[in-house]
PDB file of N, CA and C in Angstrom:
ATOM      1  N   MET A   1       2.727   0.022  43.333  1.00  0.00           N
ATOM      2  CA  MET A   1       3.365  -0.405  42.259  1.00  0.00           C
ATOM      3  C   MET A   1       3.441  -1.985  42.241  1.00  0.00           C
ATOM      4  N   ASN A   2       2.997  -2.487  41.083  1.00  0.00           N
ATOM      5  CA  ASN A   2       3.068  -3.941  40.929  1.00  0.00           C
ATOM      6  C   ASN A   2       4.551  -4.322  40.576  1.00  0.00           C
ATOM      7  N   LEU A   3       5.182  -4.933  41.502  1.00  0.00           N
ATOM      8  CA  LEU A   3       6.662  -5.270  41.380  1.00  0.00           C
ATOM      9  C   LEU A   3       6.839  -6.350  40.171  1.00  0.00           C
ATOM     10  N   GLU A   4       5.907  -7.127  39.773  1.00  0.00           N
ATOM     11  CA  GLU A   4       5.971  -8.005  38.609  1.00  0.00           C
ATOM     12  C   GLU A   4       6.120  -7.215  37.350  1.00  0.00           C
ATOM     13  N   GLU A   5       5.581  -6.069  37.255  1.00  0.00           N
ATOM     14  CA  GLU A   5       5.656  -5.185  36.138  1.00  0.00           C
ATOM     15  C   GLU A   5       6.811  -4.268  36.008  1.00  0.00           C
ATOM     16  N   LEU A   6       7.619  -4.269  37.096  1.00  0.00           N
ATOM     17  CA  LEU A   6       8.767  -3.260  37.212  1.00  0.00           C
ATOM     18  C   LEU A   6       9.805  -3.597  36.062  1.00  0.00           C
ATOM     19  N   PRO A   7      10.231  -4.800  35.805  1.00  0.00           N
ATOM     20  CA  PRO A   7      11.279  -5.067  34.684  1.00  0.00           C
ATOM     21  C   PRO A   7      10.770  -4.484  33.300  1.00  0.00           C
ATOM     22  N   ALA A   8       9.436  -4.840  32.967  1.00  0.00           N
ATOM     23  CA  ALA A   8       8.988  -4.352  31.785  1.00  0.00           C
ATOM     24  C   ALA A   8       8.838  -2.876  31.709  1.00  0.00           C
ATOM     25  N   ARG A   9       8.368  -2.209  32.787  1.00  0.00           N
ATOM     26  CA  ARG A   9       8.259  -0.737  32.679  1.00  0.00           C
ATOM     27  C   ARG A   9       9.710  -0.075  32.665  1.00  0.00           C
ATOM     28  N   LEU A  10      10.761  -0.573  33.395  1.00  0.00           N
ATOM     29  CA  LEU A  10      12.087  -0.064  33.285  1.00  0.00           C
ATOM     30  C   LEU A  10      12.583  -0.213  31.854  1.00  0.00           C
ATOM     31  N   ARG A  11      12.362  -1.397  31.200  1.00  0.00           N
ATOM     32  CA  ARG A  11      12.799  -1.549  29.878  1.00  0.00           C
ATOM     33  C   ARG A  11      12.128  -0.591  28.884  1.00  0.00           C
ATOM     34  N   THR A  12      10.932  -0.447  29.045  1.00  0.00           N
ATOM     35  CA  THR A  12      10.123   0.467  28.187  1.00  0.00           C
ATOM     36  C   THR A  12      10.567   1.853  28.317  1.00  0.00           C
ATOM     37  N   LYS A  13      10.738   2.307  29.538  1.00  0.00           N
ATOM     38  CA  LYS A  13      11.167   3.713  29.792  1.00  0.00           C
ATOM     39  C   LYS A  13      12.608   3.901  29.299  1.00  0.00           C
ATOM     40  N   LEU A  14      13.502   2.916  29.664  1.00  0.00           N
ATOM     41  CA  LEU A  14      14.831   3.143  29.107  1.00  0.00           C
ATOM     42  C   LEU A  14      14.984   3.179  27.592  1.00  0.00           C
ATOM     43  N   ALA A  15      14.219   2.267  26.947  1.00  0.00           N
ATOM     44  CA  ALA A  15      14.230   2.329  25.493  1.00  0.00           C
ATOM     45  C   ALA A  15      13.701   3.572  24.867  1.00  0.00           C
ATOM     46  N   ASP A  16      12.697   4.106  25.514  1.00  0.00           N
ATOM     47  CA  ASP A  16      12.060   5.352  25.037  1.00  0.00           C
ATOM     48  C   ASP A  16      13.067   6.508  25.259  1.00  0.00           C
ATOM     49  N   ARG A  17      13.750   6.499  26.457  1.00  0.00           N
ATOM     50  CA  ARG A  17      14.611   7.618  26.706  1.00  0.00           C
ATOM     51  C   ARG A  17      15.871   7.639  25.884  1.00  0.00           C
ATOM     52  N   VAL A  18      16.436   6.434  25.752  1.00  0.00           N
ATOM     53  CA  VAL A  18      17.797   6.486  25.099  1.00  0.00           C
ATOM     54  C   VAL A  18      17.691   6.090  23.639  1.00  0.00           C
ATOM     55  N   LEU A  19      16.714   5.406  23.131  1.00  0.00           N
ATOM     56  CA  LEU A  19      16.584   5.121  21.792  1.00  0.00           C
ATOM     57  C   LEU A  19      15.402   5.807  21.004  1.00  0.00           C
ATOM     58  N   GLY A  20      14.531   6.315  21.702  1.00  0.00           N
ATOM     59  CA  GLY A  20      13.500   7.165  21.069  1.00  0.00           C
ATOM     60  C   GLY A  20      12.214   6.387  20.822  1.00  0.00           C
ATOM     61  N   HIS A  21      12.229   5.035  21.138  1.00  0.00           N
ATOM     62  CA  HIS A  21      11.098   4.166  20.980  1.00  0.00           C
ATOM     63  C   HIS A  21      10.939   3.143  22.036  1.00  0.00           C
ATOM     64  N   SER A  22       9.803   2.818  22.503  1.00  0.00           N
ATOM     65  CA  SER A  22       9.707   2.004  23.735  1.00  0.00           C
ATOM     66  C   SER A  22       9.697   0.508  23.617  1.00  0.00           C
ATOM     67  N   TYR A  23       9.917   0.115  22.250  1.00  0.00           N
ATOM     68  CA  TYR A  23       9.771  -1.338  21.969  1.00  0.00           C
ATOM     69  C   TYR A  23      11.022  -2.090  21.833  1.00  0.00           C
ATOM     70  N   ALA A  24      12.218  -1.449  22.067  1.00  0.00           N
ATOM     71  CA  ALA A  24      13.461  -2.091  22.002  1.00  0.00           C
ATOM     72  C   ALA A  24      13.739  -3.065  23.021  1.00  0.00           C
ATOM     73  N   SER A  25      14.380  -4.102  22.570  1.00  0.00           N
ATOM     74  CA  SER A  25      14.779  -5.199  23.561  1.00  0.00           C
ATOM     75  C   SER A  25      15.790  -4.780  24.542  1.00  0.00           C
ATOM     76  N   LEU A  26      15.981  -5.513  25.593  1.00  0.00           N
ATOM     77  CA  LEU A  26      17.219  -5.392  26.451  1.00  0.00           C
ATOM     78  C   LEU A  26      18.519  -5.392  25.795  1.00  0.00           C
ATOM     79  N   ASP A  27      18.651  -6.357  24.878  1.00  0.00           N
ATOM     80  CA  ASP A  27      19.882  -6.499  24.096  1.00  0.00           C
ATOM     81  C   ASP A  27      20.226  -5.157  23.405  1.00  0.00           C
ATOM     82  N   THR A  28      19.185  -4.643  22.776  1.00  0.00           N
ATOM     83  CA  THR A  28      19.343  -3.388  21.951  1.00  0.00           C
ATOM     84  C   THR A  28      19.882  -2.224  22.934  1.00  0.00           C
ATOM     85  N   ILE A  29      19.137  -2.202  24.087  1.00  0.00           N
ATOM     86  CA  ILE A  29      19.472  -1.148  25.061  1.00  0.00           C
ATOM     87  C   ILE A  29      20.824  -1.388  25.544  1.00  0.00           C
ATOM     88  N   ASN A  30      21.290  -2.567  25.816  1.00  0.00           N
ATOM     89  CA  ASN A  30      22.638  -2.860  26.386  1.00  0.00           C
ATOM     90  C   ASN A  30      23.686  -2.555  25.253  1.00  0.00           C
ATOM     91  N   GLU A  31      23.416  -2.788  24.006  1.00  0.00           N
ATOM     92  CA  GLU A  31      24.308  -2.477  22.942  1.00  0.00           C
ATOM     93  C   GLU A  31      24.459  -0.952  22.956  1.00  0.00           C
ATOM     94  N   PHE A  32      23.402  -0.204  23.098  1.00  0.00           N
ATOM     95  CA  PHE A  32      23.530   1.299  23.160  1.00  0.00           C
ATOM     96  C   PHE A  32      24.451   1.667  24.226  1.00  0.00           C
ATOM     97  N   PHE A  33      24.267   1.153  25.346  1.00  0.00           N
ATOM     98  CA  PHE A  33      25.136   1.602  26.612  1.00  0.00           C
ATOM     99  C   PHE A  33      26.580   1.186  26.373  1.00  0.00           C
ATOM    100  N   CYS A  34      26.770  -0.025  25.805  1.00  0.00           N
ATOM    101  CA  CYS A  34      28.179  -0.453  25.626  1.00  0.00           C
ATOM    102  C   CYS A  34      28.877   0.409  24.606  1.00  0.00           C
ATOM    103  N   LYS A  35      28.181   1.040  23.759  1.00  0.00           N
ATOM    104  CA  LYS A  35      28.997   1.978  22.750  1.00  0.00           C
ATOM    105  C   LYS A  35      29.172   3.416  23.306  1.00  0.00           C
ATOM    106  N   GLU A  36      28.541   3.708  24.504  1.00  0.00           N
ATOM    107  CA  GLU A  36      28.881   4.988  25.177  1.00  0.00           C
ATOM    108  C   GLU A  36      30.155   5.068  25.697  1.00  0.00           C
ATOM    109  N   ILE A  37      30.954   6.191  25.517  1.00  0.00           N
ATOM    110  CA  ILE A  37      32.331   6.298  26.086  1.00  0.00           C
ATOM    111  C   ILE A  37      32.218   6.945  27.450  1.00  0.00           C
ATOM    112  N   HIS A  38      31.028   7.512  27.755  1.00  0.00           N
ATOM    113  CA  HIS A  38      30.914   8.265  28.997  1.00  0.00           C
ATOM    114  C   HIS A  38      30.053   7.391  29.998  1.00  0.00           C
ATOM    115  N   PRO A  39      30.288   7.675  31.330  1.00  0.00           N
ATOM    116  CA  PRO A  39      29.426   6.918  32.287  1.00  0.00           C
ATOM    117  C   PRO A  39      28.069   7.274  32.040  1.00  0.00           C
ATOM    118  N   VAL A  40      27.111   6.341  32.386  1.00  0.00           N
ATOM    119  CA  VAL A  40      25.745   6.598  32.240  1.00  0.00           C
ATOM    120  C   VAL A  40      25.056   6.560  33.566  1.00  0.00           C
ATOM    121  N   ILE A  41      24.220   7.509  33.899  1.00  0.00           N
ATOM    122  CA  ILE A  41      23.589   7.575  35.258  1.00  0.00           C
ATOM    123  C   ILE A  41      22.062   7.375  34.955  1.00  0.00           C
ATOM    124  N   ILE A  42      21.509   6.446  35.739  1.00  0.00           N
ATOM    125  CA  ILE A  42      20.149   6.100  35.586  1.00  0.00           C
ATOM    126  C   ILE A  42      19.385   6.625  36.912  1.00  0.00           C
ATOM    127  N   HIS A  43      18.391   7.411  36.734  1.00  0.00           N
ATOM    128  CA  HIS A  43      17.617   7.895  37.974  1.00  0.00           C
ATOM    129  C   HIS A  43      16.299   7.311  37.929  1.00  0.00           C
ATOM    130  N   ILE A  44      15.972   6.692  39.154  1.00  0.00           N
ATOM    131  CA  ILE A  44      14.730   5.867  39.252  1.00  0.00           C
ATOM    132  C   ILE A  44      13.958   6.532  40.483  1.00  0.00           C
ATOM    133  N   PRO A  45      12.965   7.454  40.205  1.00  0.00           N
ATOM    134  CA  PRO A  45      12.279   7.997  41.348  1.00  0.00           C
ATOM    135  C   PRO A  45      11.343   7.018  42.016  1.00  0.00           C
ATOM    136  N   LEU A  46      11.222   7.056  43.361  1.00  0.00           N
ATOM    137  CA  LEU A  46      10.374   6.284  44.016  1.00  0.00           C
ATOM    138  C   LEU A  46       9.238   7.081  44.682  1.00  0.00           C
ATOM    139  N   LEU A  47       7.941   6.620  44.606  1.00  0.00           N
ATOM    140  CA  LEU A  47       6.850   7.309  45.206  1.00  0.00           C
ATOM    141  C   LEU A  47       6.763   6.945  46.580  1.00  0.00           C
ATOM    142  N   THR A  48       6.315   7.913  47.431  1.00  0.00           N
ATOM    143  CA  THR A  48       6.081   7.688  48.922  1.00  0.00           C
ATOM    144  C   THR A  48       5.214   6.430  49.156  1.00  0.00           C
ATOM    145  N   GLU A  49       4.219   6.263  48.357  1.00  0.00           N
ATOM    146  CA  GLU A  49       3.316   5.106  48.740  1.00  0.00           C
ATOM    147  C   GLU A  49       4.050   3.747  48.442  1.00  0.00           C
ATOM    148  N   ASP A  50       5.087   3.732  47.716  1.00  0.00           N
ATOM    149  CA  ASP A  50       5.853   2.456  47.369  1.00  0.00           C
ATOM    150  C   ASP A  50       6.905   2.243  48.324  1.00  0.00           C
ATOM    151  N   LEU A  51       7.231   3.166  49.312  1.00  0.00           N
ATOM    152  CA  LEU A  51       8.339   2.853  50.212  1.00  0.00           C
ATOM    153  C   LEU A  51       8.230   1.650  51.104  1.00  0.00           C
ATOM    154  N   HIS A  52       7.024   1.145  51.267  1.00  0.00           N
ATOM    155  CA  HIS A  52       6.797  -0.141  52.079  1.00  0.00           C
ATOM    156  C   HIS A  52       7.321  -1.248  51.339  1.00  0.00           C
ATOM    157  N   GLN A  53       7.587  -1.166  50.053  1.00  0.00           N
ATOM    158  CA  GLN A  53       8.010  -2.284  49.194  1.00  0.00           C
ATOM    159  C   GLN A  53       9.540  -2.211  48.964  1.00  0.00           C
ATOM    160  N   ILE A  54      10.281  -1.322  49.584  1.00  0.00           N
ATOM    161  CA  ILE A  54      11.617  -1.094  49.279  1.00  0.00           C
ATOM    162  C   ILE A  54      12.463  -2.428  49.109  1.00  0.00           C
ATOM    163  N   PRO A  55      12.507  -3.277  50.076  1.00  0.00           N
ATOM    164  CA  PRO A  55      13.262  -4.561  50.012  1.00  0.00           C
ATOM    165  C   PRO A  55      12.999  -5.260  48.769  1.00  0.00           C
ATOM    166  N   GLU A  56      11.680  -5.412  48.479  1.00  0.00           N
ATOM    167  CA  GLU A  56      11.425  -6.269  47.231  1.00  0.00           C
ATOM    168  C   GLU A  56      11.732  -5.447  46.000  1.00  0.00           C
ATOM    169  N   MET A  57      11.568  -4.120  46.109  1.00  0.00           N
ATOM    170  CA  MET A  57      11.822  -3.261  44.840  1.00  0.00           C
ATOM    171  C   MET A  57      13.345  -3.270  44.605  1.00  0.00           C
ATOM    172  N   LEU A  58      14.199  -3.238  45.593  1.00  0.00           N
ATOM    173  CA  LEU A  58      15.563  -3.184  45.351  1.00  0.00           C
ATOM    174  C   LEU A  58      15.988  -4.665  44.775  1.00  0.00           C
ATOM    175  N   ASN A  59      15.405  -5.707  45.250  1.00  0.00           N
ATOM    176  CA  ASN A  59      15.607  -7.024  44.669  1.00  0.00           C
ATOM    177  C   ASN A  59      15.310  -7.028  43.160  1.00  0.00           C
ATOM    178  N   LYS A  60      14.112  -6.515  42.871  1.00  0.00           N
ATOM    179  CA  LYS A  60      13.702  -6.417  41.467  1.00  0.00           C
ATOM    180  C   LYS A  60      14.676  -5.637  40.559  1.00  0.00           C
ATOM    181  N   LEU A  61      15.031  -4.462  41.101  1.00  0.00           N
ATOM    182  CA  LEU A  61      15.928  -3.618  40.379  1.00  0.00           C
ATOM    183  C   LEU A  61      17.248  -4.340  40.190  1.00  0.00           C
ATOM    184  N   LEU A  62      17.875  -4.980  41.265  1.00  0.00           N
ATOM    185  CA  LEU A  62      19.082  -5.681  40.994  1.00  0.00           C
ATOM    186  C   LEU A  62      18.989  -6.856  40.035  1.00  0.00           C
ATOM    187  N   GLU A  63      17.888  -7.543  40.085  1.00  0.00           N
ATOM    188  CA  GLU A  63      17.592  -8.588  39.103  1.00  0.00           C
ATOM    189  C   GLU A  63      17.586  -8.013  37.636  1.00  0.00           C
ATOM    190  N   PHE A  64      16.993  -6.839  37.496  1.00  0.00           N
ATOM    191  CA  PHE A  64      16.825  -6.191  36.200  1.00  0.00           C
ATOM    192  C   PHE A  64      18.237  -5.972  35.669  1.00  0.00           C
ATOM    193  N   TRP A  65      19.017  -5.286  36.481  1.00  0.00           N
ATOM    194  CA  TRP A  65      20.332  -4.865  36.069  1.00  0.00           C
ATOM    195  C   TRP A  65      21.417  -6.043  35.800  1.00  0.00           C
ATOM    196  N   GLN A  66      21.109  -7.168  36.442  1.00  0.00           N
ATOM    197  CA  GLN A  66      21.975  -8.338  36.309  1.00  0.00           C
ATOM    198  C   GLN A  66      21.701  -8.990  34.919  1.00  0.00           C
ATOM    199  N   ASN A  67      20.454  -8.798  34.460  1.00  0.00           N
ATOM    200  CA  ASN A  67      20.133  -9.458  33.126  1.00  0.00           C
ATOM    201  C   ASN A  67      20.655  -8.439  32.085  1.00  0.00           C
TER     202      ASN A  67
END
């Protein structure tokens, strides 16, 4: 997995799953989550071949969620 592409892939997948279209901005996705009255659980599967990148991948995931 190219870690530089991870934020864009996460945004695209989230937008598609929660809004029904993959072109929504992070602000639009955040607005959707802010309106939810229930907790939201996000599942991110990792492939075995990507396990060697765990430290960098976790950093990218944390950066994504901080934005």
